Structures are given as structure tokens and as C-alpha cells.
């Protein structure tokens, strides 16, 4: 059973930047990030395959960058030009494909708050 441990969340002002990290206890083909706000469904933000191929949801394209270090089994999410509506709990995820239609492993979640 692979475990995912997240870090890097916090409070940031609108327009600011923040980088999230997620370390896995083993290798995973597809890794990515979801986010969730109270009362709404968890939604995919970005994902990356072991080859480096990436997928992004439209509302973060040009602002967020996902990357991974396969030697460390770690995935990162660099967030720039943050907006108040980016406020959410961000969850790291892993699965057998880059699409993450089915998630095999979840991180514990880390809070990102964008506020002045």
C-alpha cells in the first residue's frame, strides 16, 4: 500500500505564489492534484505521467505547473497568480493512468487559502 504525504499549503495574498509537494512511499504511474471546497465535489486540477506528460484543467492553465521527480517518488504543484477562488483543500492522488478517472491512493489534504 502506497502512502502519500503532502506539504506546502498555507495562506497567501491574491496574486501570490505557493508550491505544494507530495512524497509517495513507492512509484506510481500517474500522479496529480485535486481540490475541494465545502459543499462541492472534489475536482481534478492537474496530473502527470511517469514519462512527464501533463494534463491541466482549463481554469489553471498558464498559472499552475505540475512536475515530478521519479527518483524521489515526489510530485509538485507550482501555483502562481493565485486567486481567491483557488482557496480549497488540495489533495495529492495516484493511479494507474494519467487521467486519474480511478484513484488508488490519496494524500491527507493540505489547505490553501488565498486572502488579503
C-alpha atoms as a PDB file:
ATOM      1  CA  UNK A   1       0.000   0.000   0.000  1.00  0.00           C
ATOM      2  CA  UNK A   2       1.499   3.291  -1.149  1.00  0.00           C
ATOM      3  CA  UNK A   3       1.179   6.287   1.170  1.00  0.00           C
ATOM      4  CA  UNK A   4       1.182   9.941   0.058  1.00  0.00           C
ATOM      5  CA  UNK A   5       2.311  12.766   2.343  1.00  0.00           C
ATOM      6  CA  UNK A   6       1.566  16.364   1.344  1.00  0.00           C
ATOM      7  CA  UNK A   7       3.178  19.626   2.414  1.00  0.00           C
ATOM      8  CA  UNK A   8       3.385  23.276   1.378  1.00  0.00           C
ATOM      9  CA  UNK A   9      -0.101  24.641   1.979  1.00  0.00           C
ATOM     10  CA  UNK A  10      -0.743  27.935   3.718  1.00  0.00           C
ATOM     11  CA  UNK A  11      -2.061  31.498   3.497  1.00  0.00           C
ATOM     12  CA  UNK A  12      -1.129  33.674   0.528  1.00  0.00           C
ATOM     13  CA  UNK A  13      -2.355  37.036  -0.817  1.00  0.00           C
ATOM     14  CA  UNK A  14      -4.154  37.309  -4.173  1.00  0.00           C
ATOM     15  CA  UNK A  15      -1.578  37.340  -6.974  1.00  0.00           C
ATOM     16  CA  UNK A  16       0.927  35.440  -4.872  1.00  0.00           C
ATOM     17  CA  UNK A  17       2.597  32.069  -5.347  1.00  0.00           C
ATOM     18  CA  UNK A  18       2.778  28.782  -3.485  1.00  0.00           C
ATOM     19  CA  UNK A  19       4.277  25.351  -4.222  1.00  0.00           C
ATOM     20  CA  UNK A  20       2.838  22.076  -2.942  1.00  0.00           C
ATOM     21  CA  UNK A  21       4.803  18.833  -2.581  1.00  0.00           C
ATOM     22  CA  UNK A  22       3.654  15.228  -2.288  1.00  0.00           C
ATOM     23  CA  UNK A  23       6.033  12.399  -1.424  1.00  0.00           C
ATOM     24  CA  UNK A  24       4.973   8.813  -2.148  1.00  0.00           C
ATOM     25  CA  UNK A  25       6.320   5.719  -0.428  1.00  0.00           C
ATOM     26  CA  UNK A  26       6.583   3.934  -3.789  1.00  0.00           C
ATOM     27  CA  UNK A  27       6.445   4.552  -7.528  1.00  0.00           C
ATOM     28  CA  UNK A  28       3.102   5.441  -9.167  1.00  0.00           C
ATOM     29  CA  UNK A  29       2.447   5.777 -12.912  1.00  0.00           C
ATOM     30  CA  UNK A  30       0.012   8.682 -12.749  1.00  0.00           C
ATOM     31  CA  UNK A  31       0.148  11.378 -10.079  1.00  0.00           C
ATOM     32  CA  UNK A  32      -1.864  14.546  -9.719  1.00  0.00           C
ATOM     33  CA  UNK A  33      -3.693  17.115  -7.643  1.00  0.00           C
ATOM     34  CA  UNK A  34      -7.385  17.556  -6.862  1.00  0.00           C
ATOM     35  CA  UNK A  35      -9.031  20.338  -4.869  1.00  0.00           C
ATOM     36  CA  UNK A  36     -12.253  20.613  -2.889  1.00  0.00           C
ATOM     37  CA  UNK A  37     -14.239  23.381  -1.198  1.00  0.00           C
ATOM     38  CA  UNK A  38     -17.048  22.845   1.345  1.00  0.00           C
ATOM     39  CA  UNK A  39     -20.306  21.760  -0.270  1.00  0.00           C
ATOM     40  CA  UNK A  40     -18.759  20.960  -3.659  1.00  0.00           C
ATOM     41  CA  UNK A  41     -17.297  17.893  -5.353  1.00  0.00           C
ATOM     42  CA  UNK A  42     -13.584  17.216  -5.454  1.00  0.00           C
ATOM     43  CA  UNK A  43     -12.184  18.219  -8.866  1.00  0.00           C
ATOM     44  CA  UNK A  44      -9.004  17.390 -10.767  1.00  0.00           C
ATOM     45  CA  UNK A  45      -6.558  20.278 -11.174  1.00  0.00           C
ATOM     46  CA  UNK A  46      -3.549  18.714 -12.930  1.00  0.00           C
ATOM     47  CA  UNK A  47      -1.873  15.350 -13.465  1.00  0.00           C
ATOM     48  CA  UNK A  48       1.396  13.941 -14.767  1.00  0.00           C
ATOM     49  CA  UNK A  49       2.539  10.539 -16.048  1.00  0.00           C
ATOM     50  CA  UNK A  50       5.855   8.920 -15.202  1.00  0.00           C
ATOM     51  CA  UNK A  51       7.093   9.962 -18.659  1.00  0.00           C
ATOM     52  CA  UNK A  52       6.421  13.626 -17.873  1.00  0.00           C
ATOM     53  CA  UNK A  53       3.266  14.032 -19.986  1.00  0.00           C
ATOM     54  CA  UNK A  54       0.937  16.534 -18.277  1.00  0.00           C
ATOM     55  CA  UNK A  55      -2.771  17.382 -18.197  1.00  0.00           C
ATOM     56  CA  UNK A  56      -4.345  20.595 -16.843  1.00  0.00           C
ATOM     57  CA  UNK A  57      -7.896  21.717 -16.251  1.00  0.00           C
ATOM     58  CA  UNK A  58      -8.685  24.926 -18.169  1.00  0.00           C
ATOM     59  CA  UNK A  59      -9.086  27.210 -15.165  1.00  0.00           C
ATOM     60  CA  UNK A  60      -5.445  26.731 -14.064  1.00  0.00           C
ATOM     61  CA  UNK A  61      -3.655  26.616 -17.438  1.00  0.00           C
ATOM     62  CA  UNK A  62      -0.940  29.254 -17.630  1.00  0.00           C
ATOM     63  CA  UNK A  63      -0.880  29.723 -13.850  1.00  0.00           C
ATOM     64  CA  UNK A  64      -0.097  26.283 -12.377  1.00  0.00           C
ATOM     65  CA  UNK A  65       2.742  23.914 -13.278  1.00  0.00           C
ATOM     66  CA  UNK A  66       2.885  20.249 -12.288  1.00  0.00           C
ATOM     67  CA  UNK A  67       6.182  18.347 -12.203  1.00  0.00           C
ATOM     68  CA  UNK A  68       7.637  15.180 -10.685  1.00  0.00           C
ATOM     69  CA  UNK A  69      10.921  13.716  -9.541  1.00  0.00           C
ATOM     70  CA  UNK A  70      10.737   9.973 -10.194  1.00  0.00           C
ATOM     71  CA  UNK A  71      13.914   9.263  -8.214  1.00  0.00           C
ATOM     72  CA  UNK A  72      12.189  10.706  -5.124  1.00  0.00           C
ATOM     73  CA  UNK A  73       8.653   9.494  -5.988  1.00  0.00           C
ATOM     74  CA  UNK A  74       7.563  13.097  -5.470  1.00  0.00           C
ATOM     75  CA  UNK A  75       5.104  15.313  -7.359  1.00  0.00           C
ATOM     76  CA  UNK A  76       4.929  19.120  -7.134  1.00  0.00           C
ATOM     77  CA  UNK A  77       2.354  21.777  -7.968  1.00  0.00           C
ATOM     78  CA  UNK A  78       3.712  25.281  -8.527  1.00  0.00           C
ATOM     79  CA  UNK A  79       0.874  27.808  -8.269  1.00  0.00           C
ATOM     80  CA  UNK A  80       1.255  31.412  -9.448  1.00  0.00           C
ATOM     81  CA  UNK A  81      -1.108  34.380  -9.842  1.00  0.00           C
ATOM     82  CA  UNK A  82      -3.344  32.854  -7.184  1.00  0.00           C
ATOM     83  CA  UNK A  83      -6.964  33.983  -6.985  1.00  0.00           C
ATOM     84  CA  UNK A  84      -9.450  33.908  -4.106  1.00  0.00           C
ATOM     85  CA  UNK A  85     -11.403  31.171  -5.888  1.00  0.00           C
ATOM     86  CA  UNK A  86      -8.308  28.936  -5.735  1.00  0.00           C
ATOM     87  CA  UNK A  87      -8.918  28.625  -1.985  1.00  0.00           C
ATOM     88  CA  UNK A  88      -9.535  24.943  -1.228  1.00  0.00           C
ATOM     89  CA  UNK A  89      -8.141  21.810   0.337  1.00  0.00           C
ATOM     90  CA  UNK A  90      -5.694  20.326  -2.161  1.00  0.00           C
ATOM     91  CA  UNK A  91      -5.294  16.542  -2.328  1.00  0.00           C
ATOM     92  CA  UNK A  92      -2.461  14.591  -3.912  1.00  0.00           C
ATOM     93  CA  UNK A  93      -3.560  11.486  -5.820  1.00  0.00           C
ATOM     94  CA  UNK A  94      -2.080   8.478  -7.605  1.00  0.00           C
ATOM     95  CA  UNK A  95      -3.439   5.928 -10.069  1.00  0.00           C
ATOM     96  CA  UNK A  96      -2.709   3.593 -12.954  1.00  0.00           C
ATOM     97  CA  UNK A  97      -3.238   6.200 -15.691  1.00  0.00           C
ATOM     98  CA  UNK A  98      -2.511   9.895 -16.161  1.00  0.00           C
ATOM     99  CA  UNK A  99      -6.257  10.617 -16.411  1.00  0.00           C
ATOM    100  CA  UNK A 100      -6.920   9.601 -12.772  1.00  0.00           C
ATOM    101  CA  UNK A 101     -10.504   8.548 -13.500  1.00  0.00           C
ATOM    102  CA  UNK A 102      -9.880   5.981 -10.765  1.00  0.00           C
ATOM    103  CA  UNK A 103      -7.672   6.986  -7.853  1.00  0.00           C
ATOM    104  CA  UNK A 104      -5.809   4.267  -5.973  1.00  0.00           C
ATOM    105  CA  UNK A 105      -4.077   6.475  -3.401  1.00  0.00           C
ATOM    106  CA  UNK A 106      -4.979   9.786  -1.715  1.00  0.00           C
ATOM    107  CA  UNK A 107      -2.895  12.224   0.292  1.00  0.00           C
ATOM    108  CA  UNK A 108      -4.208  13.690   3.556  1.00  0.00           C
ATOM    109  CA  UNK A 109      -5.005  17.089   2.061  1.00  0.00           C
ATOM    110  CA  UNK A 110      -3.421  20.494   2.624  1.00  0.00           C
ATOM    111  CA  UNK A 111      -5.266  23.816   2.995  1.00  0.00           C
ATOM    112  CA  UNK A 112      -4.524  26.650   0.563  1.00  0.00           C
ATOM    113  CA  UNK A 113      -6.126  29.981   1.474  1.00  0.00           C
ATOM    114  CA  UNK A 114      -5.892  32.995  -0.844  1.00  0.00           C
ATOM    115  CA  UNK A 115      -6.948  36.135   1.011  1.00  0.00           C
ATOM    116  CA  UNK A 116      -5.915  39.724   1.696  1.00  0.00           C
END
